[in-house]
Amino acid sequence: MRTTVNIPEELLQEVQQLSRAGTRREALVIALEDYVRRQRLRRVMEAGGSLEFELAPREIRRQSNRRLRGADE
């Protein structure tokens, strides 16, 4: 989906550098995915274990692969 937004240039550059993303789009997707993951984890922590939390095997592999790629570079 195309969306036009005004993002501070310095912030976008920092996200792209820290994420080691090749493109601005990739940097934004990584940042958004990370935000969603952190919010989900926060909700689980706040629930004190009263929620059933299950990751799909595909999501676990994707997260593991992302961490491994980041460690190799």
N, C-alpha and C. Protein backbone atom coordinates (compact mmCIF):
# COMPACT_ATOMS: atom_id res chain seq x y z
N MET A 1 0.85 -1.16 0.00
CA MET A 1 0.00 0.00 0.00
C MET A 1 0.90 1.24 0.00
N ARG A 2 0.58 2.18 -0.79
CA ARG A 2 1.33 3.43 -0.83
C ARG A 2 0.74 4.40 0.18
N THR A 3 1.63 5.04 0.93
CA THR A 3 1.23 6.03 1.91
C THR A 3 2.26 7.14 1.90
N THR A 4 1.81 8.35 1.95
CA THR A 4 2.72 9.49 2.01
C THR A 4 2.73 10.02 3.43
N VAL A 5 3.92 10.07 4.01
CA VAL A 5 4.07 10.59 5.37
C VAL A 5 5.34 11.43 5.43
N ASN A 6 5.35 12.37 6.35
CA ASN A 6 6.53 13.19 6.58
C ASN A 6 7.27 12.62 7.78
N ILE A 7 8.44 12.05 7.52
CA ILE A 7 9.26 11.44 8.56
C ILE A 7 10.55 12.27 8.65
N PRO A 8 10.96 12.62 9.86
CA PRO A 8 12.22 13.36 9.98
C PRO A 8 13.37 12.59 9.32
N GLU A 9 14.09 13.27 8.45
CA GLU A 9 15.17 12.65 7.68
C GLU A 9 16.20 11.97 8.57
N GLU A 10 16.59 12.64 9.65
CA GLU A 10 17.60 12.08 10.54
C GLU A 10 17.13 10.77 11.18
N LEU A 11 15.86 10.73 11.56
CA LEU A 11 15.30 9.52 12.17
C LEU A 11 15.29 8.37 11.18
N LEU A 12 14.86 8.64 9.97
CA LEU A 12 14.81 7.60 8.95
C LEU A 12 16.21 7.08 8.63
N GLN A 13 17.17 7.98 8.55
CA GLN A 13 18.55 7.56 8.29
C GLN A 13 19.08 6.69 9.42
N GLU A 14 18.76 7.06 10.66
CA GLU A 14 19.23 6.27 11.79
C GLU A 14 18.60 4.88 11.81
N VAL A 15 17.31 4.80 11.52
CA VAL A 15 16.64 3.50 11.47
C VAL A 15 17.26 2.64 10.37
N GLN A 16 17.51 3.24 9.23
CA GLN A 16 18.10 2.49 8.11
C GLN A 16 19.50 2.00 8.49
N GLN A 17 20.27 2.82 9.15
CA GLN A 17 21.62 2.44 9.55
C GLN A 17 21.59 1.35 10.62
N LEU A 18 20.80 1.54 11.67
CA LEU A 18 20.76 0.58 12.76
C LEU A 18 20.19 -0.77 12.33
N SER A 19 19.22 -0.75 11.43
CA SER A 19 18.60 -1.99 10.98
C SER A 19 19.40 -2.66 9.86
N ARG A 20 20.36 -1.92 9.35
CA ARG A 20 21.17 -2.40 8.21
C ARG A 20 20.30 -2.70 7.00
N ALA A 21 19.23 -1.96 6.88
CA ALA A 21 18.31 -2.13 5.75
C ALA A 21 18.92 -1.52 4.50
N GLY A 22 18.66 -2.16 3.38
CA GLY A 22 19.17 -1.66 2.11
C GLY A 22 18.37 -0.51 1.54
N THR A 23 17.10 -0.42 1.94
CA THR A 23 16.23 0.63 1.42
C THR A 23 15.46 1.27 2.56
N ARG A 24 14.91 2.44 2.29
CA ARG A 24 14.08 3.11 3.28
C ARG A 24 12.83 2.29 3.59
N ARG A 25 12.26 1.72 2.56
CA ARG A 25 11.06 0.90 2.74
C ARG A 25 11.36 -0.26 3.69
N GLU A 26 12.47 -0.96 3.43
CA GLU A 26 12.84 -2.08 4.28
C GLU A 26 13.06 -1.62 5.72
N ALA A 27 13.70 -0.47 5.91
CA ALA A 27 13.93 0.07 7.25
C ALA A 27 12.61 0.33 7.97
N LEU A 28 11.65 0.90 7.27
CA LEU A 28 10.35 1.18 7.88
C LEU A 28 9.60 -0.10 8.22
N VAL A 29 9.66 -1.10 7.36
CA VAL A 29 8.99 -2.38 7.64
C VAL A 29 9.62 -3.02 8.87
N ILE A 30 10.94 -3.02 8.95
CA ILE A 30 11.63 -3.59 10.12
C ILE A 30 11.22 -2.85 11.38
N ALA A 31 11.20 -1.53 11.33
CA ALA A 31 10.84 -0.74 12.51
C ALA A 31 9.40 -1.00 12.94
N LEU A 32 8.49 -1.09 12.00
CA LEU A 32 7.09 -1.36 12.33
C LEU A 32 6.91 -2.76 12.89
N GLU A 33 7.58 -3.75 12.30
CA GLU A 33 7.49 -5.11 12.82
C GLU A 33 8.04 -5.19 14.24
N ASP A 34 9.14 -4.48 14.49
CA ASP A 34 9.73 -4.48 15.82
C ASP A 34 8.78 -3.83 16.82
N TYR A 35 8.14 -2.75 16.44
CA TYR A 35 7.19 -2.08 17.32
C TYR A 35 6.03 -3.03 17.68
N VAL A 36 5.48 -3.70 16.69
CA VAL A 36 4.37 -4.62 16.92
C VAL A 36 4.81 -5.75 17.85
N ARG A 37 5.99 -6.30 17.61
CA ARG A 37 6.51 -7.39 18.45
C ARG A 37 6.67 -6.93 19.89
N ARG A 38 7.23 -5.75 20.09
CA ARG A 38 7.42 -5.23 21.45
C ARG A 38 6.09 -4.98 22.16
N GLN A 39 5.11 -4.48 21.43
CA GLN A 39 3.81 -4.23 22.05
C GLN A 39 3.13 -5.54 22.43
N ARG A 40 3.25 -6.55 21.60
CA ARG A 40 2.69 -7.86 21.93
C ARG A 40 3.35 -8.43 23.17
N LEU A 41 4.67 -8.33 23.24
CA LEU A 41 5.39 -8.82 24.42
C LEU A 41 5.01 -8.04 25.67
N ARG A 42 4.85 -6.74 25.54
CA ARG A 42 4.44 -5.90 26.68
C ARG A 42 3.09 -6.35 27.21
N ARG A 43 2.17 -6.62 26.31
CA ARG A 43 0.83 -7.06 26.73
C ARG A 43 0.88 -8.40 27.45
N VAL A 44 1.72 -9.29 26.97
CA VAL A 44 1.86 -10.59 27.62
C VAL A 44 2.44 -10.40 29.02
N MET A 45 3.47 -9.57 29.13
CA MET A 45 4.09 -9.32 30.43
C MET A 45 3.09 -8.69 31.39
N GLU A 46 2.30 -7.76 30.92
CA GLU A 46 1.30 -7.09 31.77
C GLU A 46 0.22 -8.07 32.22
N ALA A 47 -0.08 -9.05 31.40
CA ALA A 47 -1.11 -10.02 31.74
C ALA A 47 -0.62 -11.02 32.79
N GLY A 48 0.67 -11.02 33.04
CA GLY A 48 1.22 -11.90 34.06
C GLY A 48 0.99 -13.38 33.79
N GLY A 49 1.03 -13.74 32.52
CA GLY A 49 0.88 -15.15 32.18
C GLY A 49 -0.55 -15.62 32.10
N SER A 50 -1.51 -14.72 32.18
CA SER A 50 -2.90 -15.15 32.13
C SER A 50 -3.42 -15.32 30.70
N LEU A 51 -2.57 -14.99 29.72
CA LEU A 51 -2.96 -15.16 28.33
C LEU A 51 -2.26 -16.37 27.74
N GLU A 52 -2.93 -17.04 26.81
CA GLU A 52 -2.27 -18.09 26.05
C GLU A 52 -1.50 -17.39 24.94
N PHE A 53 -0.22 -17.69 24.87
CA PHE A 53 0.64 -17.04 23.88
C PHE A 53 1.31 -18.11 23.05
N GLU A 54 1.07 -18.05 21.76
CA GLU A 54 1.61 -19.08 20.90
C GLU A 54 2.13 -18.43 19.62
N LEU A 55 3.39 -18.71 19.31
CA LEU A 55 3.97 -18.25 18.06
C LEU A 55 3.89 -19.37 17.03
N ALA A 56 3.57 -18.99 15.82
CA ALA A 56 3.57 -19.96 14.74
C ALA A 56 5.02 -20.32 14.41
N PRO A 57 5.29 -21.56 14.03
CA PRO A 57 6.67 -21.95 13.68
C PRO A 57 7.30 -21.04 12.63
N ARG A 58 6.51 -20.58 11.69
CA ARG A 58 7.04 -19.70 10.64
C ARG A 58 7.53 -18.39 11.24
N GLU A 59 6.81 -17.82 12.21
CA GLU A 59 7.21 -16.58 12.86
C GLU A 59 8.49 -16.78 13.66
N ILE A 60 8.62 -17.91 14.34
CA ILE A 60 9.84 -18.19 15.10
C ILE A 60 11.03 -18.28 14.16
N ARG A 61 10.88 -18.97 13.05
CA ARG A 61 11.98 -19.08 12.08
C ARG A 61 12.34 -17.72 11.51
N ARG A 62 11.35 -16.91 11.19
CA ARG A 62 11.60 -15.59 10.60
C ARG A 62 12.38 -14.71 11.57
N GLN A 63 11.99 -14.70 12.84
CA GLN A 63 12.69 -13.91 13.84
C GLN A 63 14.11 -14.42 14.05
N SER A 64 14.28 -15.74 14.08
CA SER A 64 15.62 -16.32 14.24
C SER A 64 16.51 -15.96 13.08
N ASN A 65 15.98 -16.05 11.87
CA ASN A 65 16.76 -15.72 10.68
C ASN A 65 17.17 -14.25 10.67
N ARG A 66 16.28 -13.37 11.10
CA ARG A 66 16.59 -11.95 11.14
C ARG A 66 17.74 -11.69 12.12
N ARG A 67 17.69 -12.33 13.29
CA ARG A 67 18.76 -12.16 14.28
C ARG A 67 20.08 -12.69 13.75
N LEU A 68 20.05 -13.83 13.08
CA LEU A 68 21.28 -14.41 12.54
C LEU A 68 21.87 -13.54 11.45
N ARG A 69 21.05 -12.98 10.57
CA ARG A 69 21.55 -12.09 9.53
C ARG A 69 22.21 -10.88 10.14
N GLY A 70 21.62 -10.32 11.17
CA GLY A 70 22.17 -9.14 11.83
C GLY A 70 23.50 -9.43 12.50
N ALA A 71 23.68 -10.62 13.03
CA ALA A 71 24.92 -10.98 13.73
C ALA A 71 26.05 -11.21 12.76
N ASP A 72 25.75 -11.66 11.54
CA ASP A 72 26.79 -11.96 10.56
C ASP A 72 27.34 -10.73 9.88
N GLU A 73 26.57 -9.67 9.83
CA GLU A 73 26.99 -8.48 9.10
C GLU A 73 27.89 -7.59 9.90
